[in-house]
Every structure is written in C-alpha cells, then in structure tokens.
Amino acid sequence: MSAASPSNVTIRDIAKFAGVSAGTISRALKNEPGLTETTRQMVLSAAHTLGYDFANLRRKRMRRLTFLLHRQHNTAASSPFYSPVLHGAEEACRKQGIVLSFMAVGPADGVTEQLRMHAPDAVVCAGFFEPELLGALRASGKPLVLIDMKLRGYSSVNPDNFMGGYLATKHLIGLGRTRIGMISGSLGHYSVRERNKGYRQALFESGMLADPRLEASLPEGVDLETGAAEAMQSLLALPTPPDAVFCYNDSAALVAMRCCLAAGLTVPHEVSIVGFDDISSAVLGHRPLTTLRIDKKQLGAMGVELLLRDHQEAPVEQVAPVELIVRASTVCDDFGPHK
C-alpha cells in the first residue's frame, strides 16, 4: 500500500499495513492486555514505519497513570523524599479523576510486561533511571515525564539543584568557614551533579580553592548510612579537616553530624553541616539541620500537570524553586556569622 501522510496515518492504515484488525492495533498502541509481546512489537514497528503520530493517543482523556520508582530509591533512606512526591502526584490525580498505581522497578524486572498489567495512559518516572530502561518505557508510546531526573529528549520536573548547592555553600562562606567539604552520592545522578556544580560555583565566586580532597563520594555498593559515615570519616581524617560540610541530602547530613559528635566535635562550633531536601527527620537530629527545602508534593503534582497539558513536539523542562532553611546545625545562640 502507499503510505499516507504521517500526520494523517490512522489506526485503520496501520491495520491494513500490518494485516491485523483495527482493534488489535488500538490495544497494542494503548499498551492494553490481551496481546502477545511479538504482536505488540510488530504493531509498534508498523506504526513507526508509517509515521503514525502517537500524540493522537495522548489527546484522549487520561484515566490511569502509573508512578514508577527505581528499586534503588525504594528504601528507608529515600522514602522521606519520594513518599511526599508520590502523595503529591496522587492528590493531583484524585482532583482530575485519574486512577494512580505504583510500581518499584529495576532494569532486570521486565518492566514492559509489568507496565502492561497496569494498562496506564501515561507514566511518571521518579528518580534516577537507566537510559535503556527509559528507552523501553518510551517505546510503549505512552506519554512520559521524569521527576527528579533530567535527560535530553524527555519532559521533566526538577528542583533547582544547582541553586540549592550554591545557596548552601554561600551560607557557609558567610559564616566565615574556609574549608568547606561536600559529601556526594553518585555524580551519575543529575540532581547530585547539579548540587555539586552549585557548590563549586559558590567557592569560585568567593575566590576559594575547590580542594578535591574536601569532596567525598559515597562508596559504590554500600547503603547510604554506611557510605555517608565512611565519607565523613575520610574528611575528618584529613591533616586539616573541613570546618563545614555540605551534604547532597538530609539523610547523609544526619549521618555526618553523628560522626562529628562521635569524634568529639561540636556542631556547629567546630563543624557546620548543611543538608538538602528538608525531610521530616531534619529537625530531629542532635542539632536541627540547616537544609534546602523542596516542596516535594509540588514536584509530584507538577509531573501530573505536565502530562495533562496538550503535548508539544519539544520536551518541557520545569524547575521548582528551593529555599534555604537555617537551623542550629550552622547557626545557634552562641555561634553565628563571623563579624
């Protein structure tokens, strides 16, 4: 058959080209159950060959949304951040009459098969996902939005990670701190990488040397508590240890504070500590934690709102503001900015 103009390709055109019924084409494009994976992939291949506009599917009212969280984030250490994000998405869905389902997945979990059982109209991915896993999700043709991750070609919602790292470090510089360390997670994660860039930018603008010995990353293959403790201990073991530490999240900062106390150091007098995220336990440490506040429920709601928009050809990248919250881990009654 002669191919139709890409913008005018219909489900019937694909059915004729592929030699199957229009109902089969519709179920495959909507990722609905009842088809073999071989048939589904054959239909998607035919649709791509003819230049079918998948936005035709997206214009229909969204009734079901699946919230995906990578298994590496489905932990006690990550829950204080991602649980409110999920709740924000859930509230936004409820207002729109959308049913939300949740899945924790990894690269070896057969995500395509699992997703088909949920039969969503759209997908939200929260946190870090391997590009290969995102590629498999995108191949389903479903609208897709990333939260707390950024990747070229995908719509996304992120806190202003760079500004957060910058504000945290400028705050410490304003206190007169001169050896400011940073504890990072994997720099392969967009949010961690941007926070590190903000940290370095603040040091640069203040004419301070970014000493690589003052930057410690969590070792691979260990849990956050163990990794953050090892990272902080490595900083305290330096010939001239830091007098302040910016941590890539609050959980790591609380561990760092406990390490300082165990070493006989006072916080904030000898070491000031700043976290990121403002999780609920940030106020429960030995000293309430100075941190960057993120409206985590807003992130979830913004992700849903992006999916509800009329989709444009170009991906949309939204940035949510962060706010420096100063508490006793950096400033207290008998310790504050140097005069």
Protein backbone atom coordinates (compact mmCIF):
# COMPACT_ATOMS: atom_id res chain seq x y z
CA MET A 1 0.00 0.00 0.00
CA SER A 2 1.11 3.59 -0.46
CA ALA A 3 1.98 5.25 2.82
CA ALA A 4 -0.34 8.02 3.98
CA SER A 5 0.97 11.41 5.01
CA PRO A 6 2.49 10.87 8.52
CA SER A 7 0.14 13.39 10.12
CA ASN A 8 -2.88 11.61 8.59
CA VAL A 9 -1.97 7.99 9.36
CA THR A 10 -4.88 6.29 11.13
CA ILE A 11 -5.30 3.09 13.10
CA ARG A 12 -7.03 1.60 10.03
CA ASP A 13 -3.98 2.43 7.89
CA ILE A 14 -1.74 0.58 10.33
CA ALA A 15 -4.17 -2.36 10.48
CA LYS A 16 -4.15 -2.68 6.69
CA PHE A 17 -0.36 -2.40 6.56
CA ALA A 18 0.18 -4.96 9.35
CA GLY A 19 -2.60 -7.36 8.28
CA VAL A 20 -4.41 -7.39 11.62
CA SER A 21 -7.64 -5.89 12.94
CA ALA A 22 -8.05 -2.26 13.97
CA GLY A 23 -8.92 -3.49 17.47
CA THR A 24 -5.55 -5.25 17.72
CA ILE A 25 -3.80 -2.06 16.60
CA SER A 26 -5.70 0.00 19.17
CA ARG A 27 -4.90 -2.38 22.05
CA ALA A 28 -1.23 -2.51 21.09
CA LEU A 29 -0.85 1.26 20.84
CA LYS A 30 -2.61 1.74 24.18
CA ASN A 31 -0.45 -0.98 25.79
CA GLU A 32 -3.58 -2.85 26.87
CA PRO A 33 -3.54 -6.53 27.92
CA GLY A 34 -4.63 -9.41 25.69
CA LEU A 35 -1.81 -9.41 23.11
CA THR A 36 1.49 -11.24 22.85
CA GLU A 37 4.66 -9.17 23.04
CA THR A 38 5.51 -10.26 19.48
CA THR A 39 2.24 -8.84 18.16
CA ARG A 40 2.64 -5.66 20.19
CA GLN A 41 6.14 -5.01 18.87
CA MET A 42 5.03 -5.76 15.30
CA VAL A 43 2.27 -3.16 15.60
CA LEU A 44 4.61 -0.54 17.09
CA SER A 45 7.11 -1.20 14.29
CA ALA A 46 4.37 -0.75 11.67
CA ALA A 47 3.21 2.47 13.34
CA HIS A 48 6.74 3.88 13.34
CA THR A 49 7.27 2.81 9.72
CA LEU A 50 4.15 4.65 8.57
CA GLY A 51 4.96 7.67 10.71
CA TYR A 52 1.92 7.41 12.98
CA ASP A 53 1.57 10.43 15.28
CA PHE A 54 1.44 8.98 18.81
CA ALA A 55 0.11 12.33 20.01
CA ASN A 56 -3.23 11.15 18.62
CA LEU A 57 -3.37 8.78 21.58
CA ARG A 58 -2.30 11.43 24.06
CA ARG A 59 -5.13 13.78 23.20
CA LYS A 60 -7.60 11.38 24.77
CA ARG A 61 -8.52 11.93 28.39
CA MET A 62 -6.05 10.39 30.82
CA ARG A 63 -7.77 7.93 33.15
CA ARG A 64 -4.90 5.83 34.52
CA LEU A 65 -1.37 6.85 35.45
CA THR A 66 1.46 4.67 36.74
CA PHE A 67 4.08 6.16 39.07
CA LEU A 68 7.40 4.34 38.65
CA LEU A 69 10.17 4.45 41.25
CA HIS A 70 13.53 2.80 40.67
CA ARG A 71 14.26 0.00 43.16
CA GLN A 72 17.40 1.78 44.34
CA HIS A 73 15.16 4.59 45.69
CA ASN A 74 12.61 2.24 47.27
CA THR A 75 14.49 2.25 50.60
CA ALA A 76 14.03 3.67 54.08
CA ALA A 77 16.70 6.31 53.36
CA SER A 78 14.96 7.50 50.17
CA SER A 79 11.34 7.21 51.34
CA PRO A 80 11.27 10.56 53.22
CA PHE A 81 11.84 12.28 49.87
CA TYR A 82 9.93 10.15 47.36
CA SER A 83 6.88 9.36 49.51
CA PRO A 84 5.72 13.02 49.54
CA VAL A 85 6.39 13.22 45.78
CA LEU A 86 4.10 10.21 45.28
CA HIS A 87 1.46 11.74 47.57
CA GLY A 88 1.57 14.98 45.57
CA ALA A 89 1.02 13.07 42.34
CA GLU A 90 -1.78 11.08 43.96
CA GLU A 91 -3.59 14.22 45.12
CA ALA A 92 -3.28 15.81 41.67
CA CYS A 93 -4.69 12.63 40.08
CA ARG A 94 -7.60 12.48 42.52
CA LYS A 95 -8.63 16.04 41.62
CA GLN A 96 -8.72 15.04 37.95
CA GLY A 97 -10.47 11.70 38.44
CA ILE A 98 -7.33 9.77 37.45
CA VAL A 99 -6.51 6.39 38.98
CA LEU A 100 -2.85 6.22 40.07
CA SER A 101 -0.93 2.96 40.51
CA PHE A 102 2.60 2.50 41.88
CA MET A 103 5.48 0.26 40.75
CA ALA A 104 9.04 -0.11 42.04
CA VAL A 105 11.14 -1.43 39.16
CA GLY A 106 14.70 -2.21 38.17
CA PRO A 107 16.44 -2.90 34.85
CA ALA A 108 16.04 -6.67 35.21
CA ASP A 109 12.36 -6.65 36.18
CA GLY A 110 10.68 -6.99 32.78
CA VAL A 111 9.21 -3.52 33.12
CA THR A 112 7.30 -3.67 29.81
CA GLU A 113 5.34 -6.73 30.92
CA GLN A 114 4.65 -5.27 34.36
CA LEU A 115 3.53 -1.96 32.92
CA ARG A 116 1.09 -3.65 30.60
CA MET A 117 -0.70 -5.23 33.58
CA HIS A 118 -1.30 -1.71 34.94
CA ALA A 119 -2.52 -0.54 31.49
CA PRO A 120 -1.74 3.16 32.13
CA ASP A 121 -2.47 6.04 29.79
CA ALA A 122 0.72 7.79 30.93
CA VAL A 123 3.79 7.22 33.10
CA VAL A 124 5.73 9.23 35.69
CA CYS A 125 9.30 8.12 36.48
CA ALA A 126 10.69 9.43 39.77
CA GLY A 127 14.42 9.49 40.49
CA PHE A 128 17.28 8.00 38.53
CA PHE A 129 16.50 5.53 35.72
CA GLU A 130 18.97 3.94 33.33
CA PRO A 131 18.60 5.40 29.80
CA GLU A 132 17.99 1.86 28.48
CA LEU A 133 15.07 1.41 30.87
CA LEU A 134 13.61 4.76 29.87
CA GLY A 135 14.01 3.78 26.21
CA ALA A 136 11.95 0.64 26.81
CA LEU A 137 9.25 2.71 28.51
CA ARG A 138 9.21 5.27 25.71
CA ALA A 139 8.83 2.50 23.12
CA SER A 140 5.38 1.83 24.57
CA GLY A 141 4.25 5.13 23.06
CA LYS A 142 2.86 6.35 26.39
CA PRO A 143 3.35 9.98 27.48
CA LEU A 144 6.24 10.04 29.93
CA VAL A 145 7.50 12.61 32.43
CA LEU A 146 10.62 12.43 34.63
CA ILE A 147 10.66 13.77 38.20
CA ASP A 148 14.00 14.43 39.93
CA MET A 149 15.89 13.43 36.79
CA LYS A 150 16.75 15.16 33.54
CA LEU A 151 17.62 13.54 30.24
CA ARG A 152 17.72 15.03 26.78
CA GLY A 153 14.55 14.36 24.82
CA TYR A 154 12.30 13.86 27.87
CA SER A 155 9.94 16.23 29.66
CA SER A 156 10.97 16.65 33.29
CA VAL A 157 10.35 18.37 36.62
CA ASN A 158 13.28 19.06 38.94
CA PRO A 159 14.06 21.17 41.97
CA ASP A 160 16.65 23.89 41.35
CA ASN A 161 19.52 21.64 42.39
CA PHE A 162 22.25 23.99 41.20
CA MET A 163 20.85 26.95 43.12
CA GLY A 164 20.44 24.78 46.20
CA GLY A 165 24.10 23.76 46.19
CA TYR A 166 25.06 27.38 45.57
CA LEU A 167 22.92 28.78 48.41
CA ALA A 168 24.15 26.15 50.88
CA THR A 169 27.79 26.93 50.16
CA LYS A 170 27.31 30.72 50.15
CA HIS A 171 25.65 30.40 53.56
CA LEU A 172 28.67 28.54 54.92
CA ILE A 173 31.06 31.07 53.38
CA GLY A 174 29.04 33.85 55.02
CA LEU A 175 29.63 32.19 58.38
CA GLY A 176 33.36 32.60 57.86
CA ARG A 177 34.02 28.94 57.04
CA THR A 178 37.15 28.47 54.94
CA ARG A 179 37.43 24.69 54.42
CA ILE A 180 34.06 23.63 53.09
CA GLY A 181 33.71 19.99 52.16
CA MET A 182 30.98 18.19 50.26
CA ILE A 183 29.62 14.68 50.62
CA SER A 184 28.07 13.47 47.35
CA GLY A 185 26.20 10.47 46.09
CA SER A 186 26.90 9.20 42.59
CA LEU A 187 27.65 12.08 40.22
CA GLY A 188 25.92 9.98 37.57
CA HIS A 189 22.66 11.23 39.12
CA TYR A 190 21.54 14.55 37.63
CA SER A 191 20.41 16.05 40.94
CA VAL A 192 23.68 15.22 42.74
CA ARG A 193 25.76 16.50 39.85
CA GLU A 194 23.92 19.83 39.77
CA ARG A 195 24.23 20.29 43.54
CA ASN A 196 27.96 19.71 43.23
CA LYS A 197 28.17 22.31 40.45
CA GLY A 198 26.39 24.85 42.66
CA TYR A 199 28.83 24.10 45.49
CA ARG A 200 31.81 24.68 43.22
CA GLN A 201 30.33 27.84 41.70
CA ALA A 202 29.92 29.43 45.13
CA LEU A 203 33.52 28.59 46.03
CA PHE A 204 34.74 30.02 42.73
CA GLU A 205 32.82 33.28 43.12
CA SER A 206 34.28 33.70 46.61
CA GLY A 207 37.83 33.15 45.40
CA MET A 208 38.15 29.92 47.39
CA LEU A 209 40.08 26.93 46.09
CA ALA A 210 37.95 23.88 45.36
CA ASP A 211 40.21 21.35 47.09
CA PRO A 212 39.42 17.88 45.66
CA ARG A 213 40.41 16.32 49.00
CA LEU A 214 37.39 18.05 50.55
CA GLU A 215 34.97 16.27 48.22
CA ALA A 216 33.96 12.77 49.29
CA SER A 217 31.54 10.47 47.47
CA LEU A 218 29.66 7.55 48.93
CA PRO A 219 31.47 4.29 48.03
CA GLU A 220 29.73 2.06 45.49
CA GLY A 221 27.74 -0.93 46.69
CA VAL A 222 27.01 0.20 50.26
CA ASP A 223 23.87 1.58 51.88
CA LEU A 224 23.56 5.32 52.49
CA GLU A 225 24.19 5.13 56.23
CA THR A 226 27.43 3.18 55.83
CA GLY A 227 28.58 5.20 52.83
CA ALA A 228 27.90 8.60 54.39
CA ALA A 229 29.72 7.55 57.58
CA GLU A 230 32.76 6.41 55.58
CA ALA A 231 32.73 9.63 53.54
CA MET A 232 32.56 11.84 56.65
CA GLN A 233 35.24 9.85 58.44
CA SER A 234 37.53 10.27 55.44
CA LEU A 235 37.07 14.05 55.63
CA LEU A 236 37.72 14.14 59.38
CA ALA A 237 40.89 12.09 58.86
CA LEU A 238 42.46 14.78 56.65
CA PRO A 239 45.52 16.60 58.07
CA THR A 240 43.37 19.75 58.01
CA PRO A 241 39.75 18.59 58.17
CA PRO A 242 36.84 20.73 56.97
CA ASP A 243 35.16 23.27 59.22
CA ALA A 244 31.90 22.87 57.29
CA VAL A 245 30.29 20.17 55.13
CA PHE A 246 27.51 20.41 52.57
CA CYS A 247 25.79 17.04 52.10
CA TYR A 248 23.87 16.07 48.98
CA ASN A 249 20.81 15.13 51.04
CA ASP A 250 19.50 15.30 54.60
CA SER A 251 19.94 11.60 55.35
CA ALA A 252 23.66 11.87 54.61
CA ALA A 253 23.88 15.11 56.62
CA LEU A 254 22.34 13.49 59.70
CA VAL A 255 24.87 10.65 59.47
CA ALA A 256 27.69 13.20 59.07
CA MET A 257 26.53 15.03 62.18
CA ARG A 258 26.57 11.81 64.22
CA CYS A 259 30.13 11.13 63.01
CA CYS A 260 31.23 14.56 64.20
CA LEU A 261 29.69 14.03 67.62
CA ALA A 262 31.31 10.59 67.89
CA ALA A 263 34.67 12.21 67.10
CA GLY A 264 34.18 14.69 69.95
CA LEU A 265 33.47 17.67 67.67
CA THR A 266 30.74 20.20 68.39
CA VAL A 267 28.18 21.19 65.78
CA PRO A 268 28.09 23.94 64.60
CA HIS A 269 31.01 25.45 66.55
CA GLU A 270 33.73 23.24 65.08
CA VAL A 271 31.89 21.85 62.06
CA SER A 272 28.82 23.33 60.40
CA ILE A 273 26.63 20.95 58.42
CA VAL A 274 24.04 21.60 55.69
CA GLY A 275 21.74 19.04 54.08
CA PHE A 276 19.30 19.11 51.17
CA ASP A 277 15.57 18.19 50.82
CA ASP A 278 14.16 19.20 54.26
CA ILE A 279 12.80 15.75 55.08
CA SER A 280 10.69 15.37 58.24
CA SER A 281 13.60 14.00 60.30
CA ALA A 282 15.79 17.04 59.50
CA VAL A 283 14.64 18.66 62.76
CA LEU A 284 15.16 15.54 64.88
CA GLY A 285 18.97 15.34 65.00
CA HIS A 286 21.29 16.47 67.80
CA ARG A 287 21.06 19.88 66.13
CA PRO A 288 18.12 20.68 63.83
CA LEU A 289 19.53 20.63 60.34
CA THR A 290 20.10 23.62 58.08
CA THR A 291 18.88 22.46 54.69
CA LEU A 292 17.36 23.33 51.32
CA ARG A 293 13.60 22.98 51.38
CA ILE A 294 11.90 21.40 48.38
CA ASP A 295 8.12 21.30 48.05
CA LYS A 296 8.14 17.57 47.34
CA LYS A 297 4.37 17.24 46.94
CA GLN A 298 4.50 20.07 44.42
CA LEU A 299 7.05 18.12 42.36
CA GLY A 300 4.62 15.21 42.10
CA ALA A 301 1.72 17.50 41.20
CA MET A 302 3.80 19.30 38.57
CA GLY A 303 4.63 15.98 36.93
CA VAL A 304 0.93 15.12 36.61
CA GLU A 305 0.13 18.62 35.32
CA LEU A 306 2.77 18.25 32.59
CA LEU A 307 1.10 15.05 31.40
CA LEU A 308 -2.31 16.74 31.33
CA ARG A 309 -1.12 19.50 29.03
CA ASP A 310 -1.51 19.39 25.28
CA HIS A 311 1.77 17.76 24.35
CA GLN A 312 4.14 19.70 22.18
CA GLU A 313 6.85 18.30 19.97
CA ALA A 314 9.65 19.72 22.12
CA PRO A 315 10.13 18.30 25.64
CA VAL A 316 9.21 20.61 28.51
CA GLU A 317 11.68 21.09 31.37
CA GLN A 318 10.31 22.67 34.54
CA VAL A 319 12.34 23.79 37.56
CA ALA A 320 10.85 24.19 41.04
CA PRO A 321 12.42 26.71 43.46
CA VAL A 322 14.30 25.72 46.62
CA GLU A 323 14.56 27.65 49.89
CA LEU A 324 17.45 27.79 52.37
CA ILE A 325 16.18 26.93 55.87
CA VAL A 326 18.72 27.96 58.51
CA ARG A 327 18.74 25.93 61.72
CA ALA A 328 21.13 25.10 64.55
CA SER A 329 23.50 22.84 62.59
CA THR A 330 25.06 26.04 61.22
CA VAL A 331 23.81 28.90 63.42
CA CYS A 332 22.78 28.85 67.09
CA ASP A 333 22.58 31.29 70.01
CA ASP A 334 26.30 31.17 70.81
CA PHE A 335 27.52 30.74 67.25
CA GLY A 336 26.71 32.73 64.15
CA PRO A 337 28.21 34.74 61.29
CA HIS A 338 31.74 35.96 61.96
CA LYS A 339 31.85 39.70 62.42
